[in-house]
Amino acid sequence: MPDMSVFDTDMALQNRIHCLYVMGLGHLGLGRKENAAREFAQVTALDPNHQNARIFAAYCVDAQSAERKES
């Protein structure tokens, strides 16, 4: 599990969020920015306070915009 649970939390939900985040990082590492953005969007829908997912989602949008301008 990614986080220690001190308070009553849904650990299955926390695990799902973590897995979606890691899948987003994997897509990003493979250059699949659209897929990565989709995963990060799911993370932020489940956990609006997930700062890293927000940062990487914004990066994906910026990178996609830059790619469109170049072509």
C-alpha atoms as a PDB file:
ATOM      1  CA  MET A   1       0.000   0.000   0.000  1.00  0.00           C
ATOM      2  CA  PRO A   2       1.286   3.448  -0.819  1.00  0.00           C
ATOM      3  CA  ASP A   3       0.129   5.215   2.348  1.00  0.00           C
ATOM      4  CA  MET A   4      -0.180   4.268   5.960  1.00  0.00           C
ATOM      5  CA  SER A   5      -3.750   4.500   7.174  1.00  0.00           C
ATOM      6  CA  VAL A   6      -4.052   6.313  10.490  1.00  0.00           C
ATOM      7  CA  PHE A   7      -7.675   7.273   9.985  1.00  0.00           C
ATOM      8  CA  ASP A   8     -10.491   5.182   8.605  1.00  0.00           C
ATOM      9  CA  THR A   9     -10.013   5.349   4.861  1.00  0.00           C
ATOM     10  CA  ASP A  10     -11.044   3.134   2.031  1.00  0.00           C
ATOM     11  CA  MET A  11      -7.762   1.368   1.307  1.00  0.00           C
ATOM     12  CA  ALA A  12      -9.146  -0.134  -1.906  1.00  0.00           C
ATOM     13  CA  LEU A  13      -9.873   3.387  -3.141  1.00  0.00           C
ATOM     14  CA  GLN A  14      -6.421   4.601  -2.092  1.00  0.00           C
ATOM     15  CA  ASN A  15      -4.861   1.647  -3.915  1.00  0.00           C
ATOM     16  CA  ARG A  16      -6.908   2.408  -7.063  1.00  0.00           C
ATOM     17  CA  ILE A  17      -5.796   6.050  -6.980  1.00  0.00           C
ATOM     18  CA  HIS A  18      -2.159   5.025  -6.570  1.00  0.00           C
ATOM     19  CA  CYS A  19      -2.370   2.494  -9.411  1.00  0.00           C
ATOM     20  CA  LEU A  20      -3.980   5.024 -11.758  1.00  0.00           C
ATOM     21  CA  TYR A  21      -1.252   7.527 -10.889  1.00  0.00           C
ATOM     22  CA  VAL A  22       1.526   5.014 -11.576  1.00  0.00           C
ATOM     23  CA  MET A  23      -0.130   4.006 -14.869  1.00  0.00           C
ATOM     24  CA  GLY A  24      -0.228   7.685 -15.808  1.00  0.00           C
ATOM     25  CA  LEU A  25       3.480   7.982 -15.079  1.00  0.00           C
ATOM     26  CA  GLY A  26       4.118   4.899 -17.181  1.00  0.00           C
ATOM     27  CA  HIS A  27       2.190   6.323 -20.141  1.00  0.00           C
ATOM     28  CA  LEU A  28       4.027   9.599 -19.765  1.00  0.00           C
ATOM     29  CA  GLY A  29       7.385   7.821 -19.744  1.00  0.00           C
ATOM     30  CA  LEU A  30       6.434   6.056 -22.974  1.00  0.00           C
ATOM     31  CA  GLY A  31       5.435   9.352 -24.588  1.00  0.00           C
ATOM     32  CA  ARG A  32       1.704   8.587 -24.572  1.00  0.00           C
ATOM     33  CA  LYS A  33       0.621  11.966 -23.269  1.00  0.00           C
ATOM     34  CA  GLU A  34      -3.073  11.577 -24.115  1.00  0.00           C
ATOM     35  CA  ASN A  35      -3.305   8.294 -22.207  1.00  0.00           C
ATOM     36  CA  ALA A  36      -1.320   9.770 -19.322  1.00  0.00           C
ATOM     37  CA  ALA A  37      -3.626  12.788 -19.152  1.00  0.00           C
ATOM     38  CA  ARG A  38      -6.632  10.450 -19.034  1.00  0.00           C
ATOM     39  CA  GLU A  39      -5.152   8.509 -16.100  1.00  0.00           C
ATOM     40  CA  PHE A  40      -4.245  11.688 -14.220  1.00  0.00           C
ATOM     41  CA  ALA A  41      -7.770  13.022 -14.794  1.00  0.00           C
ATOM     42  CA  GLN A  42      -9.184   9.875 -13.192  1.00  0.00           C
ATOM     43  CA  VAL A  43      -6.851  10.338 -10.236  1.00  0.00           C
ATOM     44  CA  THR A  44      -7.909  13.939  -9.688  1.00  0.00           C
ATOM     45  CA  ALA A  45     -11.573  12.973 -10.046  1.00  0.00           C
ATOM     46  CA  LEU A  46     -11.139  10.492  -7.200  1.00  0.00           C
ATOM     47  CA  ASP A  47      -8.756  12.667  -5.170  1.00  0.00           C
ATOM     48  CA  PRO A  48      -8.924  16.378  -6.036  1.00  0.00           C
ATOM     49  CA  ASN A  49      -6.018  17.039  -3.642  1.00  0.00           C
ATOM     50  CA  HIS A  50      -3.540  14.768  -5.435  1.00  0.00           C
ATOM     51  CA  GLN A  51      -0.978  17.452  -6.267  1.00  0.00           C
ATOM     52  CA  ASN A  52       1.388  15.349  -8.369  1.00  0.00           C
ATOM     53  CA  ALA A  53      -1.449  14.136 -10.599  1.00  0.00           C
ATOM     54  CA  ARG A  54      -2.499  17.766 -11.129  1.00  0.00           C
ATOM     55  CA  ILE A  55       1.059  18.799 -11.975  1.00  0.00           C
ATOM     56  CA  PHE A  56       1.579  15.990 -14.478  1.00  0.00           C
ATOM     57  CA  ALA A  57      -1.877  16.488 -16.008  1.00  0.00           C
ATOM     58  CA  ALA A  58      -1.024  20.143 -16.638  1.00  0.00           C
ATOM     59  CA  TYR A  59       2.310  19.087 -18.130  1.00  0.00           C
ATOM     60  CA  CYS A  60       0.522  16.701 -20.527  1.00  0.00           C
ATOM     61  CA  VAL A  61      -1.829  19.447 -21.681  1.00  0.00           C
ATOM     62  CA  ASP A  62       1.048  21.894 -22.191  1.00  0.00           C
ATOM     63  CA  ALA A  63       3.149  19.325 -24.050  1.00  0.00           C
ATOM     64  CA  GLN A  64       0.228  18.382 -26.316  1.00  0.00           C
ATOM     65  CA  SER A  65      -0.392  22.060 -27.104  1.00  0.00           C
ATOM     66  CA  ALA A  66       3.273  22.593 -27.948  1.00  0.00           C
ATOM     67  CA  GLU A  67       3.278  19.545 -30.228  1.00  0.00           C
ATOM     68  CA  ARG A  68       0.205  20.813 -32.098  1.00  0.00           C
ATOM     69  CA  LYS A  69       1.795  24.222 -32.619  1.00  0.00           C
ATOM     70  CA  GLU A  70       4.926  22.631 -34.078  1.00  0.00           C
ATOM     71  CA  SER A  71       3.014  20.614 -36.660  1.00  0.00           C
END
